[in-house]
PDB file of N, CA and C in Angstrom:
ATOM      1  N   MET A   1     129.403 154.365 136.727  1.00  0.00           N
ATOM      2  CA  MET A   1     128.980 154.817 138.045  1.00  0.00           C
ATOM      3  C   MET A   1     129.840 154.132 139.095  1.00  0.00           C
ATOM      4  N   ILE A   2     130.452 154.942 139.921  1.00  0.00           N
ATOM      5  CA  ILE A   2     131.258 154.423 141.021  1.00  0.00           C
ATOM      6  C   ILE A   2     130.682 155.037 142.290  1.00  0.00           C
ATOM      7  N   GLY A   3     130.506 154.202 143.279  1.00  0.00           N
ATOM      8  CA  GLY A   3     129.985 154.761 144.520  1.00  0.00           C
ATOM      9  C   GLY A   3     129.075 153.825 145.259  1.00  0.00           C
ATOM     10  N   LYS A   4     127.992 154.386 145.785  1.00  0.00           N
ATOM     11  CA  LYS A   4     127.047 153.619 146.599  1.00  0.00           C
ATOM     12  C   LYS A   4     126.074 152.876 145.693  1.00  0.00           C
ATOM     13  N   TYR A   5     125.982 151.600 145.898  1.00  0.00           N
ATOM     14  CA  TYR A   5     125.091 150.757 145.107  1.00  0.00           C
ATOM     15  C   TYR A   5     123.960 150.250 145.984  1.00  0.00           C
ATOM     16  N   LYS A   6     122.774 150.199 145.415  1.00  0.00           N
ATOM     17  CA  LYS A   6     121.631 149.625 146.116  1.00  0.00           C
ATOM     18  C   LYS A   6     121.827 148.117 146.175  1.00  0.00           C
ATOM     19  N   VAL A   7     121.465 147.511 147.307  1.00  0.00           N
ATOM     20  CA  VAL A   7     121.540 146.060 147.480  1.00  0.00           C
ATOM     21  C   VAL A   7     120.127 145.503 147.378  1.00  0.00           C
ATOM     22  N   ILE A   8     119.955 144.539 146.471  1.00  0.00           N
ATOM     23  CA  ILE A   8     118.641 143.940 146.220  1.00  0.00           C
ATOM     24  C   ILE A   8     118.730 142.430 146.415  1.00  0.00           C
ATOM     25  N   THR A   9     117.838 141.882 147.219  1.00  0.00           N
ATOM     26  CA  THR A   9     117.747 140.438 147.389  1.00  0.00           C
ATOM     27  C   THR A   9     116.589 139.924 146.535  1.00  0.00           C
ATOM     28  N   LEU A  10     116.885 138.909 145.729  1.00  0.00           N
ATOM     29  CA  LEU A  10     115.857 138.276 144.907  1.00  0.00           C
ATOM     30  C   LEU A  10     115.087 137.253 145.738  1.00  0.00           C
ATOM     31  N   CYS A  11     113.778 137.231 145.583  1.00  0.00           N
ATOM     32  CA  CYS A  11     112.915 136.266 146.261  1.00  0.00           C
ATOM     33  C   CYS A  11     111.973 135.660 145.223  1.00  0.00           C
ATOM     34  N   GLY A  12     111.572 134.426 145.455  1.00  0.00           N
ATOM     35  CA  GLY A  12     110.628 133.777 144.562  1.00  0.00           C
ATOM     36  C   GLY A  12     110.853 132.279 144.546  1.00  0.00           C
ATOM     37  N   SER A  13     109.994 131.595 143.832  1.00  0.00           N
ATOM     38  CA  SER A  13     110.107 130.140 143.715  1.00  0.00           C
ATOM     39  C   SER A  13     111.344 129.777 142.905  1.00  0.00           C
ATOM     40  N   THR A  14     112.091 128.804 143.407  1.00  0.00           N
ATOM     41  CA  THR A  14     113.302 128.368 142.702  1.00  0.00           C
ATOM     42  C   THR A  14     112.979 127.570 141.447  1.00  0.00           C
ATOM     43  N   LYS A  15     111.699 127.338 141.165  1.00  0.00           N
ATOM     44  CA  LYS A  15     111.352 126.700 139.889  1.00  0.00           C
ATOM     45  C   LYS A  15     111.532 127.679 138.734  1.00  0.00           C
ATOM     46  N   PHE A  16     111.708 128.965 139.048  1.00  0.00           N
ATOM     47  CA  PHE A  16     111.898 129.994 138.026  1.00  0.00           C
ATOM     48  C   PHE A  16     113.372 130.367 137.882  1.00  0.00           C
ATOM     49  N   LYS A  17     114.224 129.366 137.808  1.00  0.00           N
ATOM     50  CA  LYS A  17     115.672 129.587 137.750  1.00  0.00           C
ATOM     51  C   LYS A  17     116.075 130.530 136.623  1.00  0.00           C
ATOM     52  N   ASP A  18     115.549 130.321 135.425  1.00  0.00           N
ATOM     53  CA  ASP A  18     115.919 131.172 134.292  1.00  0.00           C
ATOM     54  C   ASP A  18     115.541 132.632 134.544  1.00  0.00           C
ATOM     55  N   ASP A  19     114.405 132.855 135.189  1.00  0.00           N
ATOM     56  CA  ASP A  19     113.978 134.219 135.505  1.00  0.00           C
ATOM     57  C   ASP A  19     114.879 134.840 136.566  1.00  0.00           C
ATOM     58  N   PHE A  20     115.287 134.045 137.561  1.00  0.00           N
ATOM     59  CA  PHE A  20     116.239 134.525 138.565  1.00  0.00           C
ATOM     60  C   PHE A  20     117.522 134.999 137.889  1.00  0.00           C
ATOM     61  N   LEU A  21     118.056 134.172 137.006  1.00  0.00           N
ATOM     62  CA  LEU A  21     119.325 134.512 136.353  1.00  0.00           C
ATOM     63  C   LEU A  21     119.174 135.739 135.454  1.00  0.00           C
ATOM     64  N   ARG A  22     118.078 135.827 134.728  1.00  0.00           N
ATOM     65  CA  ARG A  22     117.838 136.978 133.848  1.00  0.00           C
ATOM     66  C   ARG A  22     117.701 138.269 134.661  1.00  0.00           C
ATOM     67  N   GLU A  23     116.907 138.225 135.731  1.00  0.00           N
ATOM     68  CA  GLU A  23     116.693 139.425 136.547  1.00  0.00           C
ATOM     69  C   GLU A  23     117.962 139.806 137.306  1.00  0.00           C
ATOM     70  N   GLN A  24     118.718 138.817 137.750  1.00  0.00           N
ATOM     71  CA  GLN A  24     119.986 139.098 138.426  1.00  0.00           C
ATOM     72  C   GLN A  24     120.919 139.865 137.487  1.00  0.00           C
ATOM     73  N   LYS A  25     121.006 139.418 136.262  1.00  0.00           N
ATOM     74  CA  LYS A  25     121.853 140.078 135.264  1.00  0.00           C
ATOM     75  C   LYS A  25     121.354 141.501 134.985  1.00  0.00           C
ATOM     76  N   ARG A  26     120.061 141.637 134.752  1.00  0.00           N
ATOM     77  CA  ARG A  26     119.483 142.950 134.445  1.00  0.00           C
ATOM     78  C   ARG A  26     119.713 143.939 135.577  1.00  0.00           C
ATOM     79  N   LEU A  27     119.404 143.512 136.801  1.00  0.00           N
ATOM     80  CA  LEU A  27     119.557 144.396 137.954  1.00  0.00           C
ATOM     81  C   LEU A  27     121.024 144.749 138.209  1.00  0.00           C
ATOM     82  N   THR A  28     121.923 143.801 137.979  1.00  0.00           N
ATOM     83  CA  THR A  28     123.343 144.067 138.130  1.00  0.00           C
ATOM     84  C   THR A  28     123.805 145.109 137.112  1.00  0.00           C
ATOM     85  N   LEU A  29     123.391 144.947 135.873  1.00  0.00           N
ATOM     86  CA  LEU A  29     123.779 145.896 134.828  1.00  0.00           C
ATOM     87  C   LEU A  29     123.192 147.287 135.059  1.00  0.00           C
ATOM     88  N   GLU A  30     122.112 147.366 135.827  1.00  0.00           N
ATOM     89  CA  GLU A  30     121.532 148.658 136.205  1.00  0.00           C
ATOM     90  C   GLU A  30     122.320 149.319 137.338  1.00  0.00           C
ATOM     91  N   GLY A  31     123.330 148.615 137.879  1.00  0.00           N
ATOM     92  CA  GLY A  31     124.170 149.197 138.916  1.00  0.00           C
ATOM     93  C   GLY A  31     123.800 148.815 140.337  1.00  0.00           C
ATOM     94  N   ASN A  32     123.185 147.650 140.510  1.00  0.00           N
ATOM     95  CA  ASN A  32     122.798 147.167 141.834  1.00  0.00           C
ATOM     96  C   ASN A  32     123.666 145.984 142.244  1.00  0.00           C
ATOM     97  N   ILE A  33     123.822 145.814 143.544  1.00  0.00           N
ATOM     98  CA  ILE A  33     124.409 144.589 144.085  1.00  0.00           C
ATOM     99  C   ILE A  33     123.246 143.639 144.311  1.00  0.00           C
ATOM    100  N   VAL A  34     123.305 142.467 143.705  1.00  0.00           N
ATOM    101  CA  VAL A  34     122.177 141.540 143.752  1.00  0.00           C
ATOM    102  C   VAL A  34     122.554 140.301 144.563  1.00  0.00           C
ATOM    103  N   ILE A  35     121.718 139.983 145.536  1.00  0.00           N
ATOM    104  CA  ILE A  35     121.867 138.777 146.351  1.00  0.00           C
ATOM    105  C   ILE A  35     120.772 137.810 145.904  1.00  0.00           C
ATOM    106  N   SER A  36     121.158 136.586 145.623  1.00  0.00           N
ATOM    107  CA  SER A  36     120.187 135.612 145.118  1.00  0.00           C
ATOM    108  C   SER A  36     120.142 134.387 146.032  1.00  0.00           C
ATOM    109  N   VAL A  37     119.421 133.388 145.577  1.00  0.00           N
ATOM    110  CA  VAL A  37     119.334 132.122 146.308  1.00  0.00           C
ATOM    111  C   VAL A  37     120.634 131.350 146.148  1.00  0.00           C
ATOM    112  N   GLY A  38     120.922 130.477 147.087  1.00  0.00           N
ATOM    113  CA  GLY A  38     122.133 129.664 147.020  1.00  0.00           C
ATOM    114  C   GLY A  38     121.939 128.379 146.243  1.00  0.00           C
ATOM    115  N   LEU A  39     120.710 127.863 146.256  1.00  0.00           N
ATOM    116  CA  LEU A  39     120.372 126.617 145.566  1.00  0.00           C
ATOM    117  C   LEU A  39     119.017 126.779 144.897  1.00  0.00           C
ATOM    118  N   PHE A  40     118.829 126.045 143.821  1.00  0.00           N
ATOM    119  CA  PHE A  40     117.548 126.027 143.119  1.00  0.00           C
ATOM    120  C   PHE A  40     116.906 124.661 143.345  1.00  0.00           C
ATOM    121  N   GLY A  41     116.267 124.509 144.503  1.00  0.00           N
ATOM    122  CA  GLY A  41     115.692 123.234 144.895  1.00  0.00           C
ATOM    123  C   GLY A  41     114.657 122.688 143.927  1.00  0.00           C
ATOM    124  N   HIS A  42     113.857 123.573 143.343  1.00  0.00           N
ATOM    125  CA  HIS A  42     112.823 123.127 142.408  1.00  0.00           C
ATOM    126  C   HIS A  42     113.364 122.987 140.991  1.00  0.00           C
ATOM    127  N   SER A  43     114.654 123.238 140.826  1.00  0.00           N
ATOM    128  CA  SER A  43     115.260 123.156 139.494  1.00  0.00           C
ATOM    129  C   SER A  43     116.458 122.213 139.477  1.00  0.00           C
ATOM    130  N   GLY A  44     116.473 121.259 140.411  1.00  0.00           N
ATOM    131  CA  GLY A  44     117.474 120.197 140.329  1.00  0.00           C
ATOM    132  C   GLY A  44     118.523 120.130 141.425  1.00  0.00           C
ATOM    133  N   ASP A  45     118.582 121.120 142.320  1.00  0.00           N
ATOM    134  CA  ASP A  45     119.550 121.048 143.414  1.00  0.00           C
ATOM    135  C   ASP A  45     118.966 120.198 144.547  1.00  0.00           C
ATOM    136  N   ASP A  46     119.215 118.908 144.476  1.00  0.00           N
ATOM    137  CA  ASP A  46     118.611 117.955 145.410  1.00  0.00           C
ATOM    138  C   ASP A  46     119.129 118.075 146.840  1.00  0.00           C
ATOM    139  N   GLU A  47     120.209 118.798 147.047  1.00  0.00           N
ATOM    140  CA  GLU A  47     120.733 118.980 148.405  1.00  0.00           C
ATOM    141  C   GLU A  47     119.702 119.631 149.327  1.00  0.00           C
ATOM    142  N   VAL A  48     118.756 120.346 148.747  1.00  0.00           N
ATOM    143  CA  VAL A  48     117.694 120.980 149.529  1.00  0.00           C
ATOM    144  C   VAL A  48     116.903 119.937 150.309  1.00  0.00           C
ATOM    145  N   LEU A  49     116.873 118.710 149.806  1.00  0.00           N
ATOM    146  CA  LEU A  49     116.110 117.648 150.448  1.00  0.00           C
ATOM    147  C   LEU A  49     116.809 117.050 151.670  1.00  0.00           C
ATOM    148  N   LEU A  50     118.085 117.353 151.854  1.00  0.00           N
ATOM    149  CA  LEU A  50     118.820 116.821 153.001  1.00  0.00           C
ATOM    150  C   LEU A  50     118.259 117.394 154.298  1.00  0.00           C
ATOM    151  N   GLU A  51     118.425 116.629 155.376  1.00  0.00           N
ATOM    152  CA  GLU A  51     117.870 117.011 156.669  1.00  0.00           C
ATOM    153  C   GLU A  51     118.345 118.398 157.090  1.00  0.00           C
ATOM    154  N   ASN A  52     117.420 119.236 157.489  1.00  0.00           N
ATOM    155  CA  ASN A  52     117.651 120.586 158.012  1.00  0.00           C
ATOM    156  C   ASN A  52     118.134 121.603 156.978  1.00  0.00           C
ATOM    157  N   VAL A  53     118.372 121.203 155.741  1.00  0.00           N
ATOM    158  CA  VAL A  53     118.912 122.140 154.751  1.00  0.00           C
ATOM    159  C   VAL A  53     117.866 123.188 154.359  1.00  0.00           C
ATOM    160  N   LYS A  54     116.635 122.782 154.086  1.00  0.00           N
ATOM    161  CA  LYS A  54     115.592 123.741 153.702  1.00  0.00           C
ATOM    162  C   LYS A  54     115.390 124.779 154.797  1.00  0.00           C
ATOM    163  N   GLU A  55     115.336 124.329 156.039  1.00  0.00           N
ATOM    164  CA  GLU A  55     115.169 125.252 157.171  1.00  0.00           C
ATOM    165  C   GLU A  55     116.333 126.233 157.238  1.00  0.00           C
ATOM    166  N   MET A  56     117.560 125.734 157.046  1.00  0.00           N
ATOM    167  CA  MET A  56     118.746 126.590 157.065  1.00  0.00           C
ATOM    168  C   MET A  56     118.685 127.611 155.928  1.00  0.00           C
ATOM    169  N   LEU A  57     118.326 127.161 154.720  1.00  0.00           N
ATOM    170  CA  LEU A  57     118.268 128.059 153.570  1.00  0.00           C
ATOM    171  C   LEU A  57     117.206 129.134 153.760  1.00  0.00           C
ATOM    172  N   ASP A  58     116.067 128.767 154.326  1.00  0.00           N
ATOM    173  CA  ASP A  58     115.015 129.754 154.598  1.00  0.00           C
ATOM    174  C   ASP A  58     115.510 130.819 155.574  1.00  0.00           C
ATOM    175  N   ASP A  59     116.219 130.388 156.624  1.00  0.00           N
ATOM    176  CA  ASP A  59     116.760 131.338 157.594  1.00  0.00           C
ATOM    177  C   ASP A  59     117.837 132.208 156.946  1.00  0.00           C
ATOM    178  N   MET A  60     118.702 131.602 156.145  1.00  0.00           N
ATOM    179  CA  MET A  60     119.739 132.369 155.447  1.00  0.00           C
ATOM    180  C   MET A  60     119.122 133.436 154.557  1.00  0.00           C
ATOM    181  N   HIS A  61     118.023 133.092 153.904  1.00  0.00           N
ATOM    182  CA  HIS A  61     117.407 134.060 152.994  1.00  0.00           C
ATOM    183  C   HIS A  61     116.867 135.257 153.763  1.00  0.00           C
ATOM    184  N   LYS A  62     116.377 135.040 154.964  1.00  0.00           N
ATOM    185  CA  LYS A  62     115.938 136.167 155.798  1.00  0.00           C
ATOM    186  C   LYS A  62     117.147 137.053 156.146  1.00  0.00           C
ATOM    187  N   ARG A  63     118.304 136.441 156.395  1.00  0.00           N
ATOM    188  CA  ARG A  63     119.510 137.242 156.670  1.00  0.00           C
ATOM    189  C   ARG A  63     119.924 138.021 155.416  1.00  0.00           C
ATOM    190  N   LYS A  64     119.727 137.440 154.238  1.00  0.00           N
ATOM    191  CA  LYS A  64     120.009 138.144 152.981  1.00  0.00           C
ATOM    192  C   LYS A  64     119.074 139.343 152.836  1.00  0.00           C
ATOM    193  N   ILE A  65     117.841 139.185 153.247  1.00  0.00           N
ATOM    194  CA  ILE A  65     116.893 140.303 153.239  1.00  0.00           C
ATOM    195  C   ILE A  65     117.365 141.381 154.207  1.00  0.00           C
ATOM    196  N   ASP A  66     117.877 140.979 155.372  1.00  0.00           N
ATOM    197  CA  ASP A  66     118.410 141.943 156.337  1.00  0.00           C
ATOM    198  C   ASP A  66     119.521 142.799 155.723  1.00  0.00           C
ATOM    199  N   MET A  67     120.341 142.206 154.862  1.00  0.00           N
ATOM    200  CA  MET A  67     121.470 142.920 154.247  1.00  0.00           C
ATOM    201  C   MET A  67     121.043 143.841 153.106  1.00  0.00           C
ATOM    202  N   ALA A  68     119.824 143.682 152.624  1.00  0.00           N
ATOM    203  CA  ALA A  68     119.377 144.389 151.419  1.00  0.00           C
ATOM    204  C   ALA A  68     118.681 145.709 151.739  1.00  0.00           C
ATOM    205  N   ASP A  69     118.661 146.565 150.717  1.00  0.00           N
ATOM    206  CA  ASP A  69     117.858 147.783 150.775  1.00  0.00           C
ATOM    207  C   ASP A  69     116.419 147.488 150.367  1.00  0.00           C
ATOM    208  N   GLU A  70     116.263 146.485 149.513  1.00  0.00           N
ATOM    209  CA  GLU A  70     114.934 146.109 149.034  1.00  0.00           C
ATOM    210  C   GLU A  70     114.969 144.668 148.556  1.00  0.00           C
ATOM    211  N   ILE A  71     113.765 144.119 148.316  1.00  0.00           N
ATOM    212  CA  ILE A  71     113.685 142.803 147.687  1.00  0.00           C
ATOM    213  C   ILE A  71     112.998 142.952 146.336  1.00  0.00           C
ATOM    214  N   PHE A  72     113.335 142.026 145.445  1.00  0.00           N
ATOM    215  CA  PHE A  72     112.711 141.967 144.126  1.00  0.00           C
ATOM    216  C   PHE A  72     112.135 140.569 143.997  1.00  0.00           C
ATOM    217  N   VAL A  73     110.813 140.503 143.837  1.00  0.00           N
ATOM    218  CA  VAL A  73     110.103 139.230 143.840  1.00  0.00           C
ATOM    219  C   VAL A  73     109.936 138.721 142.408  1.00  0.00           C
ATOM    220  N   ILE A  74     110.411 137.502 142.182  1.00  0.00           N
ATOM    221  CA  ILE A  74     110.212 136.808 140.917  1.00  0.00           C
ATOM    222  C   ILE A  74     108.846 136.125 141.014  1.00  0.00           C
ATOM    223  N   ASN A  75     107.828 136.788 140.502  1.00  0.00           N
ATOM    224  CA  ASN A  75     106.451 136.281 140.608  1.00  0.00           C
ATOM    225  C   ASN A  75     105.898 135.958 139.225  1.00  0.00           C
ATOM    226  N   LYS A  76     106.581 135.067 138.546  1.00  0.00           N
ATOM    227  CA  LYS A  76     106.197 134.691 137.184  1.00  0.00           C
ATOM    228  C   LYS A  76     104.752 134.188 137.147  1.00  0.00           C
ATOM    229  N   ASP A  77     104.004 134.689 136.180  1.00  0.00           N
ATOM    230  CA  ASP A  77     102.585 134.340 136.030  1.00  0.00           C
ATOM    231  C   ASP A  77     101.797 134.600 137.312  1.00  0.00           C
ATOM    232  N   GLY A  78     102.262 135.538 138.138  1.00  0.00           N
ATOM    233  CA  GLY A  78     101.580 135.897 139.369  1.00  0.00           C
ATOM    234  C   GLY A  78     101.816 134.944 140.532  1.00  0.00           C
ATOM    235  N   TYR A  79     102.678 133.921 140.322  1.00  0.00           N
ATOM    236  CA  TYR A  79     102.855 132.900 141.360  1.00  0.00           C
ATOM    237  C   TYR A  79     103.711 133.414 142.522  1.00  0.00           C
ATOM    238  N   ILE A  80     103.161 133.299 143.728  1.00  0.00           N
ATOM    239  CA  ILE A  80     103.884 133.579 144.967  1.00  0.00           C
ATOM    240  C   ILE A  80     103.538 132.448 145.930  1.00  0.00           C
ATOM    241  N   GLY A  81     104.521 131.580 146.201  1.00  0.00           N
ATOM    242  CA  GLY A  81     104.314 130.461 147.105  1.00  0.00           C
ATOM    243  C   GLY A  81     104.426 130.871 148.563  1.00  0.00           C
ATOM    244  N   SER A  82     104.233 129.918 149.443  1.00  0.00           N
ATOM    245  CA  SER A  82     104.214 130.221 150.883  1.00  0.00           C
ATOM    246  C   SER A  82     105.566 130.723 151.399  1.00  0.00           C
ATOM    247  N   SER A  83     106.675 130.153 150.924  1.00  0.00           N
ATOM    248  CA  SER A  83     107.999 130.620 151.372  1.00  0.00           C
ATOM    249  C   SER A  83     108.240 132.058 150.919  1.00  0.00           C
ATOM    250  N   THR A  84     107.885 132.337 149.677  1.00  0.00           N
ATOM    251  CA  THR A  84     108.070 133.694 149.157  1.00  0.00           C
ATOM    252  C   THR A  84     107.165 134.673 149.891  1.00  0.00           C
ATOM    253  N   LYS A  85     105.931 134.273 150.170  1.00  0.00           N
ATOM    254  CA  LYS A  85     105.007 135.122 150.928  1.00  0.00           C
ATOM    255  C   LYS A  85     105.598 135.445 152.298  1.00  0.00           C
ATOM    256  N   SER A  86     106.217 134.457 152.924  1.00  0.00           N
ATOM    257  CA  SER A  86     106.859 134.663 154.220  1.00  0.00           C
ATOM    258  C   SER A  86     108.011 135.678 154.098  1.00  0.00           C
ATOM    259  N   GLU A  87     108.769 135.591 153.007  1.00  0.00           N
ATOM    260  CA  GLU A  87     109.877 136.525 152.788  1.00  0.00           C
ATOM    261  C   GLU A  87     109.363 137.943 152.540  1.00  0.00           C
ATOM    262  N   ILE A  88     108.269 138.060 151.787  1.00  0.00           N
ATOM    263  CA  ILE A  88     107.662 139.379 151.552  1.00  0.00           C
ATOM    264  C   ILE A  88     107.189 139.973 152.863  1.00  0.00           C
ATOM    265  N   ASP A  89     106.497 139.171 153.666  1.00  0.00           N
ATOM    266  CA  ASP A  89     106.014 139.634 154.974  1.00  0.00           C
ATOM    267  C   ASP A  89     107.183 140.087 155.843  1.00  0.00           C
ATOM    268  N   TYR A  90     108.273 139.315 155.831  1.00  0.00           N
ATOM    269  CA  TYR A  90     109.450 139.668 156.619  1.00  0.00           C
ATOM    270  C   TYR A  90     110.051 140.986 156.133  1.00  0.00           C
ATOM    271  N   ALA A  91     110.154 141.146 154.813  1.00  0.00           N
ATOM    272  CA  ALA A  91     110.711 142.375 154.247  1.00  0.00           C
ATOM    273  C   ALA A  91     109.872 143.587 154.654  1.00  0.00           C
ATOM    274  N   ILE A  92     108.567 143.444 154.574  1.00  0.00           N
ATOM    275  CA  ILE A  92     107.674 144.544 154.960  1.00  0.00           C
ATOM    276  C   ILE A  92     107.844 144.852 156.436  1.00  0.00           C
ATOM    277  N   LYS A  93     107.900 143.811 157.258  1.00  0.00           N
ATOM    278  CA  LYS A  93     108.052 143.989 158.706  1.00  0.00           C
ATOM    279  C   LYS A  93     109.363 144.695 159.058  1.00  0.00           C
ATOM    280  N   THR A  94     110.389 144.494 158.235  1.00  0.00           N
ATOM    281  CA  THR A  94     111.693 145.104 158.504  1.00  0.00           C
ATOM    282  C   THR A  94     111.924 146.357 157.649  1.00  0.00           C
ATOM    283  N   ASN A  95     110.821 146.907 157.134  1.00  0.00           N
ATOM    284  CA  ASN A  95     110.846 148.188 156.405  1.00  0.00           C
ATOM    285  C   ASN A  95     111.676 148.184 155.134  1.00  0.00           C
ATOM    286  N   LYS A  96     111.647 147.069 154.420  1.00  0.00           N
ATOM    287  CA  LYS A  96     112.330 146.980 153.132  1.00  0.00           C
ATOM    288  C   LYS A  96     111.323 147.276 152.017  1.00  0.00           C
ATOM    289  N   LYS A  97     111.804 147.928 150.985  1.00  0.00           N
ATOM    290  CA  LYS A  97     110.975 148.147 149.806  1.00  0.00           C
ATOM    291  C   LYS A  97     110.785 146.802 149.112  1.00  0.00           C
ATOM    292  N   VAL A  98     109.590 146.583 148.565  1.00  0.00           N
ATOM    293  CA  VAL A  98     109.277 145.342 147.851  1.00  0.00           C
ATOM    294  C   VAL A  98     108.865 145.709 146.429  1.00  0.00           C
ATOM    295  N   ARG A  99     109.591 145.142 145.461  1.00  0.00           N
ATOM    296  CA  ARG A  99     109.226 145.316 144.046  1.00  0.00           C
ATOM    297  C   ARG A  99     108.972 143.932 143.447  1.00  0.00           C
ATOM    298  N   TYR A 100     108.204 143.926 142.371  1.00  0.00           N
ATOM    299  CA  TYR A 100     107.787 142.668 141.757  1.00  0.00           C
ATOM    300  C   TYR A 100     108.179 142.651 140.268  1.00  0.00           C
ATOM    301  N   MET A 101     108.496 141.461 139.770  1.00  0.00           N
ATOM    302  CA  MET A 101     108.789 141.286 138.366  1.00  0.00           C
ATOM    303  C   MET A 101     107.549 141.563 137.517  1.00  0.00           C
ATOM    304  N   GLU A 102     106.396 141.061 137.972  1.00  0.00           N
ATOM    305  CA  GLU A 102     105.129 141.262 137.269  1.00  0.00           C
ATOM    306  C   GLU A 102     104.161 141.972 138.210  1.00  0.00           C
ATOM    307  N   PRO A 103     103.229 142.727 137.648  1.00  0.00           N
ATOM    308  CA  PRO A 103     102.248 143.404 138.506  1.00  0.00           C
ATOM    309  C   PRO A 103     101.515 142.413 139.404  1.00  0.00           C
ATOM    310  N   VAL A 104     101.274 142.829 140.639  1.00  0.00           N
ATOM    311  CA  VAL A 104     100.538 141.994 141.605  1.00  0.00           C
ATOM    312  C   VAL A 104      99.055 142.249 141.410  1.00  0.00           C
ATOM    313  N   LYS A 105      98.323 141.137 141.286  1.00  0.00           N
ATOM    314  CA  LYS A 105      96.872 141.258 141.038  1.00  0.00           C
ATOM    315  C   LYS A 105      96.105 141.254 142.318  1.00  0.00           C
TER     316      LYS A 105
END
């Protein structure tokens, strides 16, 4: 397939690094452009703890949502934390489609 590709931004807790990587690969192979997180703060990227970095990354992720056609939420075991909830709310507010890895209860 050559042509227009859907752009999908991944959202979810960075403690699910393996799930992010698996879903990124799957969605890419399905013919999508996938935008992911820059750091996995809950999986060992300690730079997130530096002053102002978390705030910057949160803002950057909203800009990644702006660039996307939709978001795909990594909600392993139904978990959606406050940052991810904020990203979902932002996506809905900006008329982005929201899909989930697991059914939402």
